[in-house]
Amino acid sequence: MVDTVSYTTRAEEVLWGCALMAVSLVIHGLGMVLTLHLAGGAKRRLGGPDSFFAGLAAIILGSWMIMMVHILEIVTWSAFLHVNNCFPNFSTTVYFTGLQYTTVGSALNLPKHWRLLEAMIASAGLLGFAWSTGVLMTLAQEFQEQQLRLLRERGLGDRLKHHQAPEHPEAPGNPPDAR
């Protein structure tokens, strides 16, 4: 015989889930703006926009900050679950929430009247990781473009052109006499 879980979604659960999702997005939004701001400031202080070391340091700092933002979001969800006595201790609550937030999942479950929050925690994590990926890609793209520009300026770009598609003189935007 298959054991089925009887479940009824409650308005309180939906409202708390929506509120916690909003709090997660606020934390994430503030965290991502702060990450971009501080990573840019670190890059300027450590050697300027053209410094290889400063560019990598900004990416590393940005990665650490992004991780801290995710941890703060996990702790926020965990605090709610802990206050509502969903698990015997805060450590277990953080463990459960971290697994849900990263969509790994676990053998642990919330009490039946809070089960919808399991999916909402995972949704918050998916949204957060997508946003974080965009921020990290912004930092990485700026770094790569600056380093490639420097290589071209130092004459190493001629060697790199052999690995890129050749320019077509008839391409839109190129005047015919530019050949």
N, C-alpha and C. Protein backbone atom coordinates (compact mmCIF):
# COMPACT_ATOMS: atom_id res chain seq x y z
N MET A 1 0.84 -1.17 0.00
CA MET A 1 0.00 0.00 0.00
C MET A 1 0.89 1.25 0.00
N VAL A 2 0.57 2.20 -0.82
CA VAL A 2 1.33 3.44 -0.94
C VAL A 2 0.84 4.43 0.10
N ASP A 3 1.81 4.99 0.86
CA ASP A 3 1.46 5.99 1.87
C ASP A 3 1.33 7.34 1.18
N THR A 4 0.14 7.91 1.25
CA THR A 4 -0.08 9.22 0.63
C THR A 4 -0.12 10.29 1.70
N VAL A 5 0.35 11.46 1.36
CA VAL A 5 0.36 12.58 2.29
C VAL A 5 -0.85 13.44 1.98
N SER A 6 -1.69 13.59 2.97
CA SER A 6 -2.83 14.47 2.83
C SER A 6 -2.34 15.89 3.12
N TYR A 7 -2.64 16.81 2.22
CA TYR A 7 -2.12 18.16 2.37
C TYR A 7 -3.13 19.17 1.88
N THR A 8 -3.31 20.22 2.64
CA THR A 8 -4.17 21.32 2.24
C THR A 8 -3.38 22.61 2.37
N THR A 9 -3.30 23.36 1.29
CA THR A 9 -2.58 24.63 1.32
C THR A 9 -3.39 25.63 2.14
N ARG A 10 -2.69 26.33 3.03
CA ARG A 10 -3.36 27.32 3.87
C ARG A 10 -2.96 28.73 3.42
N ALA A 11 -3.88 29.67 3.57
CA ALA A 11 -3.60 31.06 3.19
C ALA A 11 -2.43 31.61 4.00
N GLU A 12 -2.34 31.27 5.27
CA GLU A 12 -1.23 31.75 6.12
C GLU A 12 0.11 31.31 5.55
N GLU A 13 0.18 30.08 5.10
CA GLU A 13 1.41 29.53 4.53
C GLU A 13 1.79 30.28 3.25
N VAL A 14 0.82 30.54 2.39
CA VAL A 14 1.07 31.26 1.14
C VAL A 14 1.53 32.68 1.44
N LEU A 15 0.86 33.35 2.37
CA LEU A 15 1.23 34.74 2.70
C LEU A 15 2.62 34.82 3.30
N TRP A 16 2.94 33.93 4.24
CA TRP A 16 4.29 33.92 4.81
C TRP A 16 5.33 33.59 3.74
N GLY A 17 5.02 32.64 2.88
CA GLY A 17 5.95 32.29 1.81
C GLY A 17 6.21 33.47 0.88
N CYS A 18 5.16 34.18 0.51
CA CYS A 18 5.32 35.36 -0.36
C CYS A 18 6.11 36.46 0.35
N ALA A 19 5.84 36.66 1.63
CA ALA A 19 6.57 37.67 2.39
C ALA A 19 8.06 37.31 2.50
N LEU A 20 8.34 36.04 2.79
CA LEU A 20 9.73 35.61 2.89
C LEU A 20 10.44 35.66 1.54
N MET A 21 9.72 35.38 0.47
CA MET A 21 10.29 35.49 -0.87
C MET A 21 10.65 36.95 -1.14
N ALA A 22 9.77 37.86 -0.78
CA ALA A 22 10.04 39.29 -0.97
C ALA A 22 11.25 39.73 -0.16
N VAL A 23 11.34 39.26 1.08
CA VAL A 23 12.50 39.59 1.92
C VAL A 23 13.78 39.05 1.28
N SER A 24 13.72 37.83 0.76
CA SER A 24 14.89 37.25 0.08
C SER A 24 15.32 38.12 -1.10
N LEU A 25 14.36 38.57 -1.88
CA LEU A 25 14.69 39.39 -3.05
C LEU A 25 15.25 40.75 -2.65
N VAL A 26 14.74 41.32 -1.56
CA VAL A 26 15.29 42.60 -1.07
C VAL A 26 16.73 42.40 -0.61
N ILE A 27 16.96 41.34 0.18
CA ILE A 27 18.33 41.04 0.63
C ILE A 27 19.24 40.84 -0.58
N HIS A 28 18.74 40.09 -1.55
CA HIS A 28 19.56 39.80 -2.72
C HIS A 28 19.84 41.06 -3.54
N GLY A 29 18.82 41.87 -3.74
CA GLY A 29 19.00 43.09 -4.51
C GLY A 29 20.02 44.02 -3.86
N LEU A 30 19.87 44.24 -2.56
CA LEU A 30 20.84 45.09 -1.85
C LEU A 30 22.23 44.47 -1.88
N GLY A 31 22.28 43.16 -1.69
CA GLY A 31 23.57 42.47 -1.71
C GLY A 31 24.27 42.54 -3.05
N MET A 32 23.52 42.42 -4.13
CA MET A 32 24.15 42.44 -5.46
C MET A 32 24.65 43.84 -5.82
N VAL A 33 23.87 44.86 -5.46
CA VAL A 33 24.31 46.23 -5.72
C VAL A 33 25.57 46.53 -4.89
N LEU A 34 25.57 46.12 -3.63
CA LEU A 34 26.74 46.31 -2.78
C LEU A 34 27.93 45.53 -3.31
N THR A 35 27.70 44.33 -3.80
CA THR A 35 28.77 43.51 -4.37
C THR A 35 29.42 44.23 -5.55
N LEU A 36 28.61 44.71 -6.48
CA LEU A 36 29.17 45.42 -7.64
C LEU A 36 29.90 46.69 -7.23
N HIS A 37 29.33 47.41 -6.28
CA HIS A 37 29.96 48.65 -5.81
C HIS A 37 31.31 48.37 -5.13
N LEU A 38 31.33 47.45 -4.20
CA LEU A 38 32.57 47.17 -3.46
C LEU A 38 33.62 46.48 -4.33
N ALA A 39 33.20 45.63 -5.24
CA ALA A 39 34.17 44.98 -6.13
C ALA A 39 34.82 46.03 -7.04
N GLY A 40 34.03 46.97 -7.54
CA GLY A 40 34.59 48.05 -8.37
C GLY A 40 35.54 48.92 -7.56
N GLY A 41 35.17 49.24 -6.32
CA GLY A 41 36.04 50.04 -5.45
C GLY A 41 37.33 49.31 -5.13
N ALA A 42 37.24 48.02 -4.88
CA ALA A 42 38.44 47.23 -4.60
C ALA A 42 39.36 47.21 -5.81
N LYS A 43 38.78 47.11 -6.98
CA LYS A 43 39.58 47.09 -8.20
C LYS A 43 40.35 48.41 -8.35
N ARG A 44 39.69 49.52 -8.09
CA ARG A 44 40.35 50.83 -8.19
C ARG A 44 41.47 50.97 -7.16
N ARG A 45 41.21 50.53 -5.93
CA ARG A 45 42.20 50.66 -4.85
C ARG A 45 43.38 49.73 -5.02
N LEU A 46 43.17 48.58 -5.63
CA LEU A 46 44.24 47.58 -5.74
C LEU A 46 45.10 47.72 -7.00
N GLY A 47 44.83 48.68 -7.83
CA GLY A 47 45.69 48.83 -9.00
C GLY A 47 45.02 49.39 -10.21
N GLY A 48 43.79 49.77 -10.12
CA GLY A 48 43.12 50.37 -11.25
C GLY A 48 42.46 49.36 -12.15
N PRO A 49 41.70 49.88 -13.11
CA PRO A 49 40.91 49.00 -13.96
C PRO A 49 41.73 48.11 -14.89
N ASP A 50 43.00 48.49 -15.15
CA ASP A 50 43.81 47.70 -16.08
C ASP A 50 44.66 46.64 -15.39
N SER A 51 44.64 46.61 -14.07
CA SER A 51 45.47 45.67 -13.33
C SER A 51 44.87 44.27 -13.36
N PHE A 52 45.69 43.31 -13.79
CA PHE A 52 45.25 41.91 -13.82
C PHE A 52 44.91 41.45 -12.40
N PHE A 53 45.81 41.72 -11.45
CA PHE A 53 45.61 41.32 -10.06
C PHE A 53 44.35 41.95 -9.49
N ALA A 54 44.16 43.24 -9.72
CA ALA A 54 43.00 43.94 -9.18
C ALA A 54 41.71 43.38 -9.77
N GLY A 55 41.73 43.05 -11.05
CA GLY A 55 40.54 42.48 -11.70
C GLY A 55 40.17 41.13 -11.11
N LEU A 56 41.17 40.27 -10.93
CA LEU A 56 40.90 38.96 -10.32
C LEU A 56 40.46 39.10 -8.87
N ALA A 57 41.09 40.02 -8.14
CA ALA A 57 40.71 40.25 -6.75
C ALA A 57 39.25 40.71 -6.66
N ALA A 58 38.83 41.54 -7.59
CA ALA A 58 37.44 42.01 -7.59
C ALA A 58 36.47 40.84 -7.83
N ILE A 59 36.84 39.93 -8.71
CA ILE A 59 35.99 38.76 -8.97
C ILE A 59 35.93 37.86 -7.74
N ILE A 60 37.06 37.65 -7.09
CA ILE A 60 37.09 36.81 -5.88
C ILE A 60 36.28 37.47 -4.77
N LEU A 61 36.50 38.77 -4.55
CA LEU A 61 35.72 39.48 -3.54
C LEU A 61 34.23 39.41 -3.86
N GLY A 62 33.87 39.62 -5.12
CA GLY A 62 32.48 39.53 -5.54
C GLY A 62 31.89 38.15 -5.26
N SER A 63 32.66 37.10 -5.52
CA SER A 63 32.20 35.73 -5.27
C SER A 63 31.95 35.51 -3.79
N TRP A 64 32.87 35.98 -2.96
CA TRP A 64 32.70 35.84 -1.51
C TRP A 64 31.46 36.58 -1.03
N MET A 65 31.27 37.78 -1.55
CA MET A 65 30.11 38.58 -1.13
C MET A 65 28.80 37.92 -1.57
N ILE A 66 28.79 37.40 -2.78
CA ILE A 66 27.60 36.70 -3.28
C ILE A 66 27.28 35.51 -2.36
N MET A 67 28.30 34.78 -1.97
CA MET A 67 28.09 33.64 -1.08
C MET A 67 27.51 34.10 0.25
N MET A 68 28.01 35.20 0.78
CA MET A 68 27.49 35.72 2.06
C MET A 68 26.03 36.14 1.93
N VAL A 69 25.66 36.70 0.79
CA VAL A 69 24.27 37.09 0.57
C VAL A 69 23.37 35.84 0.57
N HIS A 70 23.81 34.78 -0.09
CA HIS A 70 23.03 33.54 -0.10
C HIS A 70 22.90 32.97 1.32
N ILE A 71 23.99 33.00 2.08
CA ILE A 71 23.94 32.50 3.46
C ILE A 71 22.96 33.33 4.28
N LEU A 72 22.98 34.64 4.10
CA LEU A 72 22.04 35.50 4.83
C LEU A 72 20.59 35.16 4.48
N GLU A 73 20.33 34.87 3.22
CA GLU A 73 18.97 34.48 2.83
C GLU A 73 18.58 33.15 3.46
N ILE A 74 19.49 32.20 3.48
CA ILE A 74 19.22 30.90 4.10
C ILE A 74 18.93 31.08 5.58
N VAL A 75 19.72 31.91 6.25
CA VAL A 75 19.51 32.16 7.68
C VAL A 75 18.17 32.86 7.92
N THR A 76 17.77 33.73 7.02
CA THR A 76 16.48 34.41 7.16
C THR A 76 15.33 33.41 7.11
N TRP A 77 15.32 32.55 6.11
CA TRP A 77 14.29 31.51 6.03
C TRP A 77 14.36 30.60 7.26
N SER A 78 15.58 30.26 7.67
CA SER A 78 15.78 29.38 8.83
C SER A 78 15.22 29.99 10.10
N ALA A 79 15.42 31.29 10.26
CA ALA A 79 14.91 31.96 11.47
C ALA A 79 13.39 31.82 11.55
N PHE A 80 12.72 32.00 10.42
CA PHE A 80 11.26 31.83 10.41
C PHE A 80 10.88 30.40 10.80
N LEU A 81 11.55 29.42 10.20
CA LEU A 81 11.22 28.02 10.50
C LEU A 81 11.53 27.68 11.96
N HIS A 82 12.61 28.25 12.48
CA HIS A 82 12.98 27.99 13.87
C HIS A 82 11.95 28.57 14.84
N VAL A 83 11.53 29.82 14.58
CA VAL A 83 10.53 30.46 15.42
C VAL A 83 9.23 29.65 15.43
N ASN A 84 8.95 28.97 14.32
CA ASN A 84 7.73 28.16 14.21
C ASN A 84 7.96 26.70 14.60
N ASN A 85 9.08 26.43 15.25
CA ASN A 85 9.38 25.09 15.81
C ASN A 85 9.27 23.97 14.79
N CYS A 86 9.81 24.19 13.60
CA CYS A 86 9.73 23.18 12.56
C CYS A 86 10.75 22.06 12.74
N PHE A 87 11.85 22.35 13.43
CA PHE A 87 12.90 21.36 13.68
C PHE A 87 13.37 21.50 15.12
N PRO A 88 14.05 20.49 15.65
CA PRO A 88 14.42 20.51 17.06
C PRO A 88 15.45 21.59 17.44
N ASN A 89 16.28 22.02 16.48
CA ASN A 89 17.28 23.05 16.80
C ASN A 89 17.60 23.88 15.56
N PHE A 90 18.27 25.00 15.80
CA PHE A 90 18.55 25.94 14.70
C PHE A 90 19.53 25.34 13.70
N SER A 91 20.48 24.55 14.17
CA SER A 91 21.46 23.93 13.28
C SER A 91 20.77 23.03 12.24
N THR A 92 19.84 22.23 12.68
CA THR A 92 19.09 21.36 11.77
C THR A 92 18.26 22.20 10.80
N THR A 93 17.71 23.29 11.31
CA THR A 93 16.90 24.18 10.48
C THR A 93 17.74 24.80 9.37
N VAL A 94 18.94 25.27 9.71
CA VAL A 94 19.83 25.86 8.70
C VAL A 94 20.24 24.79 7.68
N TYR A 95 20.55 23.60 8.15
CA TYR A 95 20.93 22.50 7.26
C TYR A 95 19.79 22.20 6.27
N PHE A 96 18.59 22.04 6.79
CA PHE A 96 17.43 21.77 5.93
C PHE A 96 17.23 22.90 4.92
N THR A 97 17.24 24.14 5.40
CA THR A 97 16.99 25.29 4.53
C THR A 97 18.06 25.40 3.45
N GLY A 98 19.31 25.16 3.81
CA GLY A 98 20.39 25.20 2.82
C GLY A 98 20.21 24.17 1.73
N LEU A 99 19.78 22.98 2.12
CA LEU A 99 19.54 21.93 1.12
C LEU A 99 18.37 22.28 0.21
N GLN A 100 17.32 22.86 0.78
CA GLN A 100 16.17 23.27 -0.04
C GLN A 100 16.56 24.43 -0.95
N TYR A 101 17.25 25.43 -0.39
CA TYR A 101 17.63 26.64 -1.14
C TYR A 101 18.51 26.29 -2.35
N THR A 102 19.38 25.33 -2.19
CA THR A 102 20.24 24.91 -3.30
C THR A 102 19.58 23.86 -4.18
N THR A 103 18.37 23.51 -3.88
CA THR A 103 17.54 22.53 -4.59
C THR A 103 18.11 21.11 -4.53
N VAL A 104 18.99 20.86 -3.56
CA VAL A 104 19.49 19.50 -3.37
C VAL A 104 18.40 18.64 -2.77
N GLY A 105 17.65 19.22 -1.83
CA GLY A 105 16.59 18.47 -1.15
C GLY A 105 17.18 17.60 -0.06
N SER A 106 16.32 17.04 0.77
CA SER A 106 16.78 16.18 1.87
C SER A 106 15.67 15.23 2.29
N ALA A 107 16.03 14.34 3.18
CA ALA A 107 15.04 13.40 3.72
C ALA A 107 14.16 14.09 4.77
N LEU A 108 14.60 15.27 5.22
CA LEU A 108 13.82 16.03 6.20
C LEU A 108 12.65 16.71 5.51
N ASN A 109 11.57 16.89 6.24
CA ASN A 109 10.42 17.63 5.73
C ASN A 109 9.90 18.56 6.80
N LEU A 110 9.27 19.63 6.34
CA LEU A 110 8.62 20.55 7.26
C LEU A 110 7.33 19.91 7.78
N PRO A 111 6.82 20.40 8.89
CA PRO A 111 5.50 19.94 9.33
C PRO A 111 4.48 20.17 8.21
N LYS A 112 3.47 19.34 8.16
CA LYS A 112 2.51 19.38 7.05
C LYS A 112 1.94 20.77 6.79
N HIS A 113 1.70 21.55 7.82
CA HIS A 113 1.07 22.86 7.60
C HIS A 113 2.05 23.91 7.06
N TRP A 114 3.32 23.55 6.86
CA TRP A 114 4.30 24.46 6.26
C TRP A 114 4.95 23.86 5.01
N ARG A 115 4.48 22.76 4.49
CA ARG A 115 5.13 22.04 3.39
C ARG A 115 5.31 22.86 2.12
N LEU A 116 4.40 23.77 1.83
CA LEU A 116 4.53 24.58 0.61
C LEU A 116 5.81 25.42 0.65
N LEU A 117 6.27 25.76 1.86
CA LEU A 117 7.48 26.57 1.99
C LEU A 117 8.72 25.84 1.45
N GLU A 118 8.70 24.52 1.43
CA GLU A 118 9.83 23.77 0.87
C GLU A 118 10.06 24.18 -0.59
N ALA A 119 8.99 24.25 -1.35
CA ALA A 119 9.11 24.65 -2.76
C ALA A 119 9.43 26.14 -2.88
N MET A 120 8.91 26.94 -1.97
CA MET A 120 9.17 28.38 -2.04
C MET A 120 10.62 28.70 -1.68
N ILE A 121 11.21 27.94 -0.75
CA ILE A 121 12.63 28.12 -0.43
C ILE A 121 13.46 27.79 -1.66
N ALA A 122 13.13 26.70 -2.33
CA ALA A 122 13.86 26.31 -3.54
C ALA A 122 13.70 27.37 -4.63
N SER A 123 12.52 27.92 -4.77
CA SER A 123 12.29 28.98 -5.77
C SER A 123 13.11 30.22 -5.45
N ALA A 124 13.20 30.58 -4.18
CA ALA A 124 14.03 31.72 -3.78
C ALA A 124 15.49 31.45 -4.13
N GLY A 125 15.93 30.23 -3.91
CA GLY A 125 17.30 29.87 -4.26
C GLY A 125 17.55 29.95 -5.75
N LEU A 126 16.63 29.43 -6.55
CA LEU A 126 16.79 29.49 -8.00
C LEU A 126 16.87 30.93 -8.50
N LEU A 127 15.99 31.78 -8.00
CA LEU A 127 16.02 33.19 -8.39
C LEU A 127 17.32 33.86 -7.95
N GLY A 128 17.74 33.56 -6.73
CA GLY A 128 18.98 34.14 -6.21
C GLY A 128 20.19 33.71 -7.01
N PHE A 129 20.28 32.42 -7.33
CA PHE A 129 21.43 31.94 -8.09
C PHE A 129 21.44 32.49 -9.51
N ALA A 130 20.28 32.64 -10.11
CA ALA A 130 20.22 33.22 -11.45
C ALA A 130 20.73 34.67 -11.42
N TRP A 131 20.26 35.44 -10.46
CA TRP A 131 20.67 36.83 -10.32
C TRP A 131 22.17 36.91 -10.03
N SER A 132 22.65 36.07 -9.13
CA SER A 132 24.07 36.05 -8.77
C SER A 132 24.94 35.71 -9.97
N THR A 133 24.47 34.80 -10.79
CA THR A 133 25.22 34.44 -12.00
C THR A 133 25.38 35.65 -12.91
N GLY A 134 24.32 36.43 -13.04
CA GLY A 134 24.39 37.65 -13.86
C GLY A 134 25.41 38.63 -13.31
N VAL A 135 25.44 38.80 -12.00
CA VAL A 135 26.39 39.73 -11.38
C VAL A 135 27.82 39.22 -11.56
N LEU A 136 28.04 37.95 -11.33
CA LEU A 136 29.38 37.39 -11.49
C LEU A 136 29.82 37.46 -12.95
N MET A 137 28.89 37.23 -13.87
CA MET A 137 29.22 37.36 -15.30
C MET A 137 29.58 38.80 -15.66
N THR A 138 28.92 39.77 -15.04
CA THR A 138 29.26 41.17 -15.28
C THR A 138 30.69 41.45 -14.85
N LEU A 139 31.05 40.99 -13.66
CA LEU A 139 32.42 41.20 -13.17
C LEU A 139 33.44 40.49 -14.07
N ALA A 140 33.13 39.26 -14.44
CA ALA A 140 34.06 38.49 -15.27
C ALA A 140 34.18 39.09 -16.67
N GLN A 141 33.09 39.53 -17.25
CA GLN A 141 33.13 40.09 -18.60
C GLN A 141 33.93 41.39 -18.62
N GLU A 142 33.74 42.26 -17.61
CA GLU A 142 34.53 43.49 -17.52
C GLU A 142 36.01 43.16 -17.45
N PHE A 143 36.36 42.19 -16.62
CA PHE A 143 37.76 41.79 -16.47
C PHE A 143 38.33 41.28 -17.79
N GLN A 144 37.62 40.39 -18.43
CA GLN A 144 38.10 39.81 -19.69
C GLN A 144 38.25 40.87 -20.78
N GLU A 145 37.26 41.74 -20.90
CA GLU A 145 37.34 42.78 -21.93
C GLU A 145 38.51 43.72 -21.69
N GLN A 146 38.76 44.08 -20.43
CA GLN A 146 39.88 44.96 -20.12
C GLN A 146 41.21 44.28 -20.42
N GLN A 147 41.32 43.02 -20.08
CA GLN A 147 42.58 42.30 -20.32
C GLN A 147 42.82 42.09 -21.81
N LEU A 148 41.78 41.79 -22.57
CA LEU A 148 41.94 41.63 -24.02
C LEU A 148 42.29 42.96 -24.68
N ARG A 149 41.69 44.05 -24.21
CA ARG A 149 42.03 45.37 -24.73
C ARG A 149 43.50 45.68 -24.47
N LEU A 150 43.99 45.38 -23.29
CA LEU A 150 45.40 45.60 -22.96
C LEU A 150 46.31 44.77 -23.84
N LEU A 151 45.94 43.53 -24.08
CA LEU A 151 46.74 42.67 -24.95
C LEU A 151 46.83 43.26 -26.36
N ARG A 152 45.70 43.76 -26.87
CA ARG A 152 45.70 44.37 -28.21
C ARG A 152 46.58 45.62 -28.23
N GLU A 153 46.48 46.44 -27.18
CA GLU A 153 47.27 47.66 -27.11
C GLU A 153 48.75 47.37 -27.01
N ARG A 154 49.13 46.28 -26.44
CA ARG A 154 50.55 45.93 -26.27
C ARG A 154 51.09 45.14 -27.46
N GLY A 155 50.30 45.04 -28.51
CA GLY A 155 50.77 44.36 -29.70
C GLY A 155 50.54 42.87 -29.70
N LEU A 156 50.05 42.33 -28.62
CA LEU A 156 49.80 40.90 -28.57
C LEU A 156 48.49 40.56 -29.27
N GLY A 157 47.72 41.59 -29.56
CA GLY A 157 46.45 41.38 -30.23
C GLY A 157 46.62 40.82 -31.63
N ASP A 158 47.75 41.14 -32.28
CA ASP A 158 47.98 40.60 -33.62
C ASP A 158 48.02 39.08 -33.58
N ARG A 159 48.61 38.54 -32.55
CA ARG A 159 48.65 37.08 -32.42
C ARG A 159 47.26 36.52 -32.13
N LEU A 160 46.45 37.27 -31.38
CA LEU A 160 45.10 36.81 -31.04
C LEU A 160 44.16 36.87 -32.23
N LYS A 161 44.42 37.79 -33.18
CA LYS A 161 43.52 37.93 -34.34
C LYS A 161 43.46 36.65 -35.16
N HIS A 162 44.55 35.89 -35.16
CA HIS A 162 44.56 34.65 -35.93
C HIS A 162 43.56 33.64 -35.38
N HIS A 163 43.15 33.82 -34.13
CA HIS A 163 42.19 32.91 -33.50
C HIS A 163 40.76 33.43 -33.58
N GLN A 164 40.59 34.62 -34.16
CA GLN A 164 39.26 35.20 -34.28
C GLN A 164 38.83 35.17 -35.75
N ALA A 165 37.54 35.32 -35.96
CA ALA A 165 37.01 35.35 -37.32
C ALA A 165 37.54 36.60 -38.04
N PRO A 166 37.92 36.49 -39.31
CA PRO A 166 38.42 37.66 -40.04
C PRO A 166 37.30 38.69 -40.26
N GLU A 167 37.70 39.95 -40.28
CA GLU A 167 36.73 41.00 -40.56
C GLU A 167 36.45 41.03 -42.05
N HIS A 168 35.20 41.32 -42.40
CA HIS A 168 34.82 41.44 -43.80
C HIS A 168 34.69 42.92 -44.13
N PRO A 169 35.43 43.40 -45.11
CA PRO A 169 35.39 44.83 -45.42
C PRO A 169 34.01 45.30 -45.86
N GLU A 170 33.21 44.41 -46.41
CA GLU A 170 31.88 44.80 -46.89
C GLU A 170 30.83 44.71 -45.79
N ALA A 171 31.25 44.42 -44.58
CA ALA A 171 30.28 44.28 -43.48
C ALA A 171 29.57 45.60 -43.25
N PRO A 172 28.32 45.54 -42.80
CA PRO A 172 27.58 46.77 -42.53
C PRO A 172 28.34 47.65 -41.55
N GLY A 173 28.39 48.93 -41.87
CA GLY A 173 29.09 49.86 -40.99
C GLY A 173 30.50 50.17 -41.46
N ASN A 174 31.06 49.34 -42.35
CA ASN A 174 32.39 49.60 -42.88
C ASN A 174 32.24 50.27 -44.25
N PRO A 175 32.77 51.49 -44.41
CA PRO A 175 32.66 52.13 -45.71
C PRO A 175 33.49 51.39 -46.75
N PRO A 176 33.07 51.43 -48.02
CA PRO A 176 33.79 50.67 -49.06
C PRO A 176 35.26 51.10 -49.18
N ASP A 177 35.60 52.33 -48.92
CA ASP A 177 36.98 52.76 -49.10
C ASP A 177 37.84 52.45 -47.88
N ALA A 178 37.30 51.73 -46.89
CA ALA A 178 38.07 51.40 -45.68
C ALA A 178 38.98 50.20 -45.92
N ARG A 179 38.87 49.58 -47.13
CA ARG A 179 39.70 48.40 -47.43
C ARG A 179 41.05 48.83 -47.60
